[in-house]
Amino acid sequence: MSIEPYRRLLRLPGLRTLLLVGLLARVPSTAMGMALTLHVVHGLGLGFGRAGLATAACTVGMAVGSPLSGRFVDRHGLRPVLAVTTAAQAVFWSCAWALPYPVLVVAGAVAGLLALPVFSVIRQCLAAMVPLEQRRLGFSLDSMLVELSYMAGPALAVAGMTTLGSGPTLGFLAAGLTVAGLTLIVLNPPVRSAAEREEPAARVPRRQWLTPGFVALLGIAASATFVLTASELALVGTMKQAGETEWVGLAVGIWCAYSLLGGFVYGGLSRGASPLVLIASMGLLTVPVGLAGGDWRWLVLALLPAGVLCAPALSSTVDAVSRWVPAAARGEAMGFHGTALLVGGAASAPLAGLIIDSHGPGWAFAVAGAVSVAVAVVALPFWRRRPRPAQRPVPAEAQEKVAAG
C-alpha cells in the first residue's frame, strides 16, 4: 500500500493545517459525554440513570442543532456560527459543575442545541478544499483522525474526573472548546471551493437534495453508529462477565486500530465502494462476533473483519453527502448527516443494554448486525432514486485559490 496518494493530498494548500486543527478541536468534543456522565455520578452523587438523562438531553439538543448550524453556515458564513456556539460552550461548561441537577439537564439541552459544529464544519471544509477525484482519500484520512480523537477524548475525561474532580475538569473542557472555536474562527477555512464561489449565489430548495435516496443514506449512516455503539457495549459486557475489565482499554484500542488500518487502505484504493455495501457488510460480519465470547483476545480477533470496515463505511457516507448535495446546501446536509450518526448511537445504547442484561452480550452483537443489514435492505429500493451528483470535478490548480479565501 503506497502512501504517495496521501502525500499528494497533504500538499494541497491549507489542508494539513485544517486536519491538524480538526484533530485537536474534536478531542474536547469527544470528551463531553463522558465528562458529563461522571460529573453527575461522582460530582453530584447521583446514579447512572440520571446521568443518562442528562447526556440524552444534551444529545437531543445536538441532534436538533446540527442541521440548523449547517443551514446558518450556508446562509451567513462560518464565523458568525462559530462565534455563537463557542460562546455558548464556554458559558455552559465553565458553569456546569455548579448547576443543580434539574438546571443542568435543561442547560445541557440548550448547550447541545448550540454545540460547536466542529465535525460537520471540518467535513464541509474538506469538501471545499479537496478536488473531487481526491475527496474519498480526504474523507478517509479525516475518518482516521476522528478515531484518534475518540481514543483520546473520553480517556482524558476519565483521567481528569478521577484525579482533579468535576470543577477543574469541566473548566479545562470549557477552555478546550473555547480554544477550538477561536482557532477555527481565526483560520476561517473555506466552506466552498474557488469554482463554487464564482457561481451565482442561489438558495437551493430542500426538495432538490432531500430526496428519498438522501434519507436512505441518513438511515444507513445511523445504522453504522448503531452497530458500533452496540458492539462497544457488548465488548465491555463480555469482558465484565469474564472478570477481565482491566483489559477493556486495550481491547477498545486494538479495535480502533483495525478501523485506522481499514481507513488507510480504503483511502488509497483506486475505486471506492457504496456506503450501502460497506455498512451492510460491517453489520453482517458483526452478527457472529458473540460466538467468540470467553477469552477477550479471541473476541477482539473476531472483531477484525467488521472493524476494518468502520472508517471506510463512515467516510463513504460523508463522501456521498458531498457528492450528492449542491455546495449551497452542503452545510445543512452535513448537519443532517451528523444528526443521523447521533440518532444511531443514541438508539443503540438502551436496546443493546437491555439485550445484554436479558440475553447476554453475544446476542447484542447479533441483533445489532442484523439491524444494520435490515436497514440496508429497506434502503435499497430508495437508493436507486438518490440525487444526481451535484459536483463537477474541480481542477487541482483551482484549489490554490481556496487558501487565499
Protein backbone atom coordinates (compact mmCIF):
# COMPACT_ATOMS: atom_id res chain seq x y z
CA MET A 1 0.00 0.00 0.00
CA SER A 2 1.65 3.26 -1.14
CA ILE A 3 1.48 6.42 0.95
CA GLU A 4 2.11 8.59 -2.11
CA PRO A 5 -1.62 9.41 -2.56
CA TYR A 6 -1.66 10.75 0.98
CA ARG A 7 1.45 12.83 0.32
CA ARG A 8 -0.19 14.39 -2.74
CA LEU A 9 -3.31 15.07 -0.71
CA LEU A 10 -1.41 16.77 2.09
CA ARG A 11 0.35 19.04 -0.38
CA LEU A 12 -2.96 20.82 -1.09
CA PRO A 13 -2.81 24.39 0.26
CA GLY A 14 -4.06 24.69 3.82
CA LEU A 15 -5.14 21.07 4.15
CA ARG A 16 -2.56 19.95 6.72
CA THR A 17 -3.47 22.88 8.96
CA LEU A 18 -7.19 22.10 8.65
CA LEU A 19 -6.70 18.42 9.50
CA LEU A 20 -4.45 19.18 12.48
CA VAL A 21 -6.88 21.76 13.84
CA GLY A 22 -9.75 19.33 13.26
CA LEU A 23 -7.96 16.57 15.18
CA LEU A 24 -7.23 18.77 18.19
CA ALA A 25 -10.59 20.57 18.13
CA ARG A 26 -12.52 17.31 18.20
CA VAL A 27 -10.81 16.00 21.33
CA PRO A 28 -12.80 18.17 23.79
CA SER A 29 -15.98 17.48 21.81
CA THR A 30 -15.48 13.73 22.20
CA ALA A 31 -14.85 14.17 25.94
CA MET A 32 -18.16 15.92 26.66
CA GLY A 33 -20.39 12.87 27.09
CA MET A 34 -18.02 11.05 29.42
CA ALA A 35 -17.30 14.20 31.43
CA LEU A 36 -21.00 14.97 31.91
CA THR A 37 -21.77 11.37 32.89
CA LEU A 38 -19.01 11.20 35.51
CA HIS A 39 -19.90 14.63 36.86
CA VAL A 40 -23.49 13.54 37.54
CA VAL A 41 -22.43 10.18 39.01
CA HIS A 42 -19.48 11.28 41.12
CA GLY A 43 -19.66 15.06 41.34
CA LEU A 44 -23.39 15.23 42.18
CA GLY A 45 -23.56 11.77 43.74
CA LEU A 46 -26.45 10.63 41.57
CA GLY A 47 -26.87 7.36 39.69
CA PHE A 48 -26.16 6.37 36.11
CA GLY A 49 -29.84 6.64 35.28
CA ARG A 50 -29.87 10.38 35.94
CA ALA A 51 -26.52 10.69 34.21
CA GLY A 52 -28.05 9.03 31.17
CA LEU A 53 -30.94 11.52 31.23
CA ALA A 54 -28.52 14.46 31.31
CA THR A 55 -26.44 13.15 28.42
CA ALA A 56 -29.62 12.25 26.50
CA ALA A 57 -30.87 15.85 26.84
CA CYS A 58 -27.56 17.13 25.51
CA THR A 59 -27.64 14.60 22.66
CA VAL A 60 -31.18 15.57 21.65
CA GLY A 61 -30.11 19.20 21.57
CA MET A 62 -27.15 18.33 19.35
CA ALA A 63 -29.32 16.26 17.02
CA VAL A 64 -31.71 19.20 16.53
CA GLY A 65 -28.99 21.84 16.36
CA SER A 66 -26.62 20.16 13.92
CA PRO A 67 -28.62 20.80 10.70
CA LEU A 68 -29.64 24.23 11.98
CA SER A 69 -25.99 25.22 12.46
CA GLY A 70 -25.19 23.90 8.99
CA ARG A 71 -28.01 25.92 7.48
CA PHE A 72 -26.75 29.10 9.14
CA VAL A 73 -23.24 28.39 7.83
CA ASP A 74 -24.66 28.04 4.32
CA ARG A 75 -26.51 31.35 4.60
CA HIS A 76 -24.30 33.54 6.78
CA GLY A 77 -20.83 32.04 6.67
CA LEU A 78 -18.68 30.20 9.17
CA ARG A 79 -17.52 32.87 11.60
CA PRO A 80 -20.93 34.03 12.96
CA VAL A 81 -21.96 30.45 13.72
CA LEU A 82 -18.63 29.66 15.38
CA ALA A 83 -18.78 32.83 17.47
CA VAL A 84 -22.23 32.00 18.88
CA THR A 85 -21.55 28.31 19.51
CA THR A 86 -18.12 28.91 21.02
CA ALA A 87 -19.57 31.42 23.48
CA ALA A 88 -22.40 29.02 24.38
CA GLN A 89 -19.99 26.18 25.10
CA ALA A 90 -17.67 28.38 27.14
CA VAL A 91 -20.56 29.56 29.35
CA PHE A 92 -22.15 26.14 29.89
CA TRP A 93 -19.06 24.05 30.59
CA SER A 94 -17.45 26.64 32.85
CA CYS A 95 -20.63 26.77 34.98
CA ALA A 96 -21.84 23.15 34.71
CA TRP A 97 -20.06 21.97 37.86
CA ALA A 98 -22.08 24.43 39.99
CA LEU A 99 -25.54 23.83 38.50
CA PRO A 100 -28.26 21.88 40.37
CA TYR A 101 -29.25 18.72 38.52
CA PRO A 102 -32.59 19.96 37.04
CA VAL A 103 -30.93 23.13 35.78
CA LEU A 104 -28.02 21.07 34.44
CA VAL A 105 -30.37 18.95 32.31
CA VAL A 106 -32.13 21.96 30.78
CA ALA A 107 -28.91 23.89 30.26
CA GLY A 108 -27.30 20.79 28.75
CA ALA A 109 -30.08 20.56 26.17
CA VAL A 110 -29.56 24.23 25.23
CA ALA A 111 -25.78 23.72 25.08
CA GLY A 112 -26.35 20.73 22.81
CA LEU A 113 -28.55 22.84 20.55
CA LEU A 114 -25.68 25.37 20.33
CA ALA A 115 -22.90 22.77 20.19
CA LEU A 116 -19.70 23.71 18.39
CA PRO A 117 -20.22 22.12 14.93
CA VAL A 118 -16.62 21.04 14.59
CA PHE A 119 -17.32 17.64 12.98
CA SER A 120 -19.62 18.91 10.23
CA VAL A 121 -17.56 22.06 9.66
CA ILE A 122 -14.31 20.16 9.10
CA ARG A 123 -16.05 17.82 6.66
CA GLN A 124 -17.71 20.71 4.84
CA CYS A 125 -14.37 22.50 4.51
CA LEU A 126 -12.67 19.31 3.32
CA ALA A 127 -15.25 19.03 0.53
CA ALA A 128 -14.40 22.61 -0.48
CA MET A 129 -10.62 22.26 -0.35
CA VAL A 130 -10.12 18.83 -1.89
CA PRO A 131 -10.71 18.12 -5.61
CA LEU A 132 -13.43 15.64 -6.36
CA GLU A 133 -11.04 12.94 -7.51
CA GLN A 134 -9.19 13.05 -4.14
CA ARG A 135 -12.21 13.52 -1.90
CA ARG A 136 -12.61 9.87 -0.91
CA LEU A 137 -8.97 9.88 0.16
CA GLY A 138 -9.50 13.08 2.15
CA PHE A 139 -12.55 11.80 3.99
CA SER A 140 -10.79 8.51 4.73
CA LEU A 141 -7.92 10.38 6.34
CA ASP A 142 -10.36 12.54 8.27
CA SER A 143 -12.18 9.44 9.49
CA MET A 144 -8.90 8.06 10.82
CA LEU A 145 -8.24 11.30 12.68
CA VAL A 146 -11.73 11.10 14.18
CA GLU A 147 -10.79 7.67 15.55
CA LEU A 148 -7.75 9.21 17.24
CA SER A 149 -9.92 11.94 18.76
CA TYR A 150 -12.32 9.36 20.18
CA MET A 151 -9.41 7.40 21.60
CA ALA A 152 -8.10 10.50 23.40
CA GLY A 153 -11.17 12.49 24.45
CA PRO A 154 -13.08 10.07 26.73
CA ALA A 155 -9.83 8.80 28.25
CA LEU A 156 -8.79 12.34 29.16
CA ALA A 157 -12.23 12.97 30.65
CA VAL A 158 -11.94 9.88 32.86
CA ALA A 159 -8.42 10.82 33.93
CA GLY A 160 -9.47 14.36 34.78
CA MET A 161 -12.56 13.37 36.72
CA THR A 162 -10.76 10.73 38.78
CA THR A 163 -7.74 12.90 39.61
CA LEU A 164 -8.94 16.52 39.58
CA GLY A 165 -12.69 16.32 40.11
CA SER A 166 -15.61 17.96 38.33
CA GLY A 167 -14.74 21.65 38.69
CA PRO A 168 -11.23 21.65 37.19
CA THR A 169 -12.06 19.02 34.56
CA LEU A 170 -15.14 20.82 33.26
CA GLY A 171 -13.15 24.06 33.36
CA PHE A 172 -10.45 22.53 31.19
CA LEU A 173 -13.16 21.23 28.87
CA ALA A 174 -14.61 24.75 28.58
CA ALA A 175 -11.15 26.09 27.81
CA GLY A 176 -10.52 23.40 25.20
CA LEU A 177 -13.81 24.07 23.40
CA THR A 178 -13.17 27.81 23.51
CA VAL A 179 -9.69 27.46 22.05
CA ALA A 180 -11.05 25.10 19.37
CA GLY A 181 -13.75 27.57 18.36
CA LEU A 182 -11.44 30.60 18.38
CA THR A 183 -8.83 28.73 16.32
CA LEU A 184 -11.42 27.88 13.67
CA ILE A 185 -12.63 31.50 13.68
CA VAL A 186 -9.10 32.75 13.07
CA LEU A 187 -8.37 30.05 10.48
CA ASN A 188 -11.75 30.62 8.77
CA PRO A 189 -11.38 27.73 6.30
CA PRO A 190 -13.47 27.97 3.13
CA VAL A 191 -16.81 26.19 3.03
CA ARG A 192 -16.97 26.39 -0.77
CA SER A 193 -14.28 25.84 -3.38
CA ALA A 194 -12.96 28.66 -5.55
CA ALA A 195 -15.03 27.45 -8.50
CA GLU A 196 -18.17 27.14 -6.39
CA ARG A 197 -17.78 30.69 -5.08
CA GLU A 198 -17.57 32.02 -8.63
CA GLU A 199 -21.01 30.62 -9.43
CA PRO A 200 -24.06 32.87 -8.92
CA ALA A 201 -25.34 32.72 -5.33
CA ALA A 202 -28.72 31.00 -5.14
CA ARG A 203 -30.66 29.19 -2.48
CA VAL A 204 -31.20 25.55 -3.19
CA PRO A 205 -34.66 24.20 -2.27
CA ARG A 206 -34.53 21.19 0.00
CA ARG A 207 -36.67 19.12 -2.35
CA GLN A 208 -33.75 19.20 -4.79
CA TRP A 209 -31.48 17.20 -2.49
CA LEU A 210 -33.55 15.99 0.49
CA THR A 211 -34.87 13.07 -1.55
CA PRO A 212 -35.82 9.52 -0.54
CA GLY A 213 -32.32 8.48 -1.63
CA PHE A 214 -30.71 11.01 0.71
CA VAL A 215 -32.96 9.90 3.57
CA ALA A 216 -31.87 6.33 2.84
CA LEU A 217 -28.27 7.48 3.11
CA LEU A 218 -29.01 9.01 6.52
CA GLY A 219 -30.62 5.75 7.62
CA ILE A 220 -27.57 3.79 6.52
CA ALA A 221 -25.27 6.20 8.37
CA ALA A 222 -27.40 5.85 11.52
CA SER A 223 -27.22 2.06 11.27
CA ALA A 224 -23.42 2.28 11.23
CA THR A 225 -23.24 4.03 14.60
CA PHE A 226 -25.99 1.70 15.83
CA VAL A 227 -23.71 -1.27 15.17
CA LEU A 228 -20.62 0.42 16.58
CA THR A 229 -22.28 1.55 19.81
CA ALA A 230 -23.86 -1.84 20.43
CA SER A 231 -20.57 -3.59 19.66
CA GLU A 232 -18.71 -1.43 22.15
CA LEU A 233 -21.24 -2.12 24.88
CA ALA A 234 -21.29 -5.83 24.08
CA LEU A 235 -17.48 -5.94 24.15
CA VAL A 236 -17.43 -4.31 27.58
CA GLY A 237 -20.26 -6.57 28.77
CA THR A 238 -18.45 -9.72 27.62
CA MET A 239 -15.24 -8.73 29.35
CA LYS A 240 -17.10 -7.78 32.52
CA GLN A 241 -18.76 -11.21 32.64
CA ALA A 242 -15.34 -12.82 32.26
CA GLY A 243 -13.86 -10.65 35.03
CA GLU A 244 -11.36 -9.05 32.63
CA THR A 245 -12.47 -5.40 32.77
CA GLU A 246 -8.88 -4.26 33.33
CA TRP A 247 -8.22 -5.10 29.67
CA VAL A 248 -11.15 -3.11 28.25
CA GLY A 249 -8.99 -0.11 27.32
CA LEU A 250 -6.52 -2.28 25.42
CA ALA A 251 -9.31 -4.18 23.66
CA VAL A 252 -11.03 -0.98 22.52
CA GLY A 253 -7.67 0.42 21.40
CA ILE A 254 -7.00 -2.64 19.23
CA TRP A 255 -10.49 -2.37 17.77
CA CYS A 256 -9.84 1.27 16.89
CA ALA A 257 -6.54 0.25 15.29
CA TYR A 258 -8.48 -2.07 12.97
CA SER A 259 -10.55 0.92 11.85
CA LEU A 260 -7.44 3.04 11.29
CA LEU A 261 -5.90 0.31 9.15
CA GLY A 262 -9.08 -0.11 7.14
CA GLY A 263 -9.39 3.63 6.56
CA PHE A 264 -5.78 3.89 5.40
CA VAL A 265 -6.15 1.05 2.90
CA TYR A 266 -9.57 2.18 1.66
CA GLY A 267 -8.41 5.73 1.02
CA GLY A 268 -5.60 4.53 -1.22
CA LEU A 269 -7.74 2.24 -3.38
CA SER A 270 -8.34 3.22 -6.98
CA ARG A 271 -12.10 2.85 -6.55
CA GLY A 272 -14.41 3.21 -3.58
CA ALA A 273 -17.49 1.23 -2.63
CA SER A 274 -21.09 2.10 -1.94
CA PRO A 275 -21.93 3.01 1.69
CA LEU A 276 -24.81 0.58 1.36
CA VAL A 277 -22.43 -2.31 0.65
CA LEU A 278 -19.82 -1.30 3.24
CA ILE A 279 -22.24 -0.82 6.13
CA ALA A 280 -24.32 -3.90 5.31
CA SER A 281 -21.09 -5.92 5.19
CA MET A 282 -19.98 -4.47 8.52
CA GLY A 283 -23.29 -5.48 10.05
CA LEU A 284 -23.18 -8.95 8.55
CA LEU A 285 -19.67 -9.53 9.88
CA THR A 286 -20.73 -8.33 13.33
CA VAL A 287 -23.51 -10.92 13.71
CA PRO A 288 -21.24 -13.91 14.60
CA VAL A 289 -18.76 -11.98 16.80
CA GLY A 290 -20.51 -13.05 20.00
CA LEU A 291 -19.65 -16.69 19.29
CA ALA A 292 -16.06 -15.86 20.24
CA GLY A 293 -17.05 -14.89 23.81
CA GLY A 294 -14.92 -16.05 26.69
CA ASP A 295 -11.28 -15.13 26.25
CA TRP A 296 -11.18 -11.41 25.36
CA ARG A 297 -8.31 -11.98 22.93
CA TRP A 298 -10.45 -14.23 20.73
CA LEU A 299 -13.27 -11.70 20.93
CA VAL A 300 -11.04 -8.86 19.78
CA LEU A 301 -9.73 -11.03 16.94
CA ALA A 302 -13.31 -11.79 15.90
CA LEU A 303 -13.94 -8.04 15.62
CA LEU A 304 -11.22 -7.66 12.97
CA PRO A 305 -13.33 -8.20 9.80
CA ALA A 306 -16.04 -5.74 10.85
CA GLY A 307 -13.53 -3.39 12.49
CA VAL A 308 -11.53 -2.73 9.33
CA LEU A 309 -14.75 -1.59 7.64
CA CYS A 310 -15.59 1.02 10.28
CA ALA A 311 -13.63 4.03 8.97
CA PRO A 312 -14.30 3.18 5.29
CA ALA A 313 -18.04 2.86 5.99
CA LEU A 314 -18.34 6.18 7.79
CA SER A 315 -16.11 8.07 5.37
CA SER A 316 -18.08 6.72 2.41
CA THR A 317 -21.29 8.24 3.80
CA VAL A 318 -19.62 11.66 4.13
CA ASP A 319 -18.23 11.36 0.61
CA ALA A 320 -21.71 10.56 -0.71
CA VAL A 321 -23.18 13.64 1.01
CA SER A 322 -20.50 15.87 -0.52
CA ARG A 323 -21.18 14.47 -4.00
CA TRP A 324 -24.97 14.41 -3.90
CA VAL A 325 -25.73 17.81 -2.37
CA PRO A 326 -25.13 21.21 -4.02
CA ALA A 327 -22.46 23.36 -2.38
CA ALA A 328 -25.04 25.97 -1.32
CA ALA A 329 -26.76 23.38 0.91
CA ARG A 330 -23.74 21.33 1.91
CA GLY A 331 -23.59 22.64 5.49
CA GLU A 332 -27.19 21.71 6.26
CA ALA A 333 -26.74 18.31 4.61
CA MET A 334 -23.62 17.63 6.68
CA GLY A 335 -25.63 18.67 9.72
CA PHE A 336 -28.32 16.12 8.92
CA HIS A 337 -25.57 13.54 8.49
CA GLY A 338 -24.24 14.38 11.94
CA THR A 339 -27.74 14.06 13.37
CA ALA A 340 -28.10 10.62 11.80
CA LEU A 341 -24.88 9.45 13.44
CA LEU A 342 -26.08 10.76 16.82
CA VAL A 343 -29.50 9.13 16.47
CA GLY A 344 -27.98 5.77 15.58
CA GLY A 345 -25.76 5.74 18.65
CA ALA A 346 -28.47 7.07 20.97
CA ALA A 347 -30.99 4.45 19.81
CA SER A 348 -28.48 1.63 20.09
CA ALA A 349 -27.33 2.16 23.69
CA PRO A 350 -30.57 1.36 25.55
CA LEU A 351 -31.51 -1.51 23.24
CA ALA A 352 -28.07 -3.09 23.47
CA GLY A 353 -28.08 -2.65 27.25
CA LEU A 354 -31.46 -4.37 27.50
CA ILE A 355 -30.30 -7.30 25.35
CA ILE A 356 -27.06 -7.65 27.32
CA ASP A 357 -28.94 -7.72 30.62
CA SER A 358 -31.60 -10.18 29.44
CA HIS A 359 -29.86 -12.48 26.96
CA GLY A 360 -26.13 -11.79 27.20
CA PRO A 361 -23.65 -9.69 25.21
CA GLY A 362 -23.32 -12.22 22.40
CA TRP A 363 -26.89 -11.53 21.33
CA ALA A 364 -26.22 -7.78 21.27
CA PHE A 365 -23.63 -8.32 18.54
CA ALA A 366 -26.08 -10.48 16.59
CA VAL A 367 -29.07 -8.13 16.88
CA ALA A 368 -27.06 -5.00 16.08
CA GLY A 369 -25.55 -6.58 12.98
CA ALA A 370 -28.94 -7.88 11.85
CA VAL A 371 -30.50 -4.42 12.28
CA SER A 372 -27.81 -2.91 10.06
CA VAL A 373 -28.41 -5.48 7.33
CA ALA A 374 -32.18 -4.95 7.59
CA VAL A 375 -31.78 -1.17 7.21
CA ALA A 376 -29.66 -1.74 4.11
CA VAL A 377 -32.34 -3.98 2.60
CA VAL A 378 -35.06 -1.40 3.32
CA ALA A 379 -32.88 1.40 1.88
CA LEU A 380 -32.04 -0.47 -1.33
CA PRO A 381 -35.17 0.50 -3.36
CA PHE A 382 -34.72 4.18 -2.44
CA TRP A 383 -31.01 4.08 -3.21
CA ARG A 384 -31.81 3.89 -6.89
CA ARG A 385 -33.56 7.27 -6.60
CA ARG A 386 -30.66 9.07 -4.97
CA PRO A 387 -29.81 12.62 -6.11
CA ARG A 388 -27.57 13.01 -9.10
CA PRO A 389 -24.01 14.03 -8.24
CA ALA A 390 -24.10 17.76 -7.56
CA GLN A 391 -20.41 18.41 -8.04
CA ARG A 392 -18.26 18.54 -11.09
CA PRO A 393 -14.54 17.83 -10.90
CA VAL A 394 -12.57 20.87 -9.83
CA PRO A 395 -9.08 21.15 -11.31
CA ALA A 396 -6.37 20.87 -8.69
CA GLU A 397 -4.88 24.22 -9.68
CA ALA A 398 -8.18 25.90 -8.88
CA GLN A 399 -7.85 24.73 -5.31
CA GLU A 400 -4.88 27.04 -4.81
CA LYS A 401 -7.32 29.94 -4.82
CA VAL A 402 -9.01 28.43 -1.78
CA ALA A 403 -6.20 29.22 0.63
CA ALA A 404 -6.43 32.90 -0.24
CA GLY A 405 -10.15 32.98 0.53
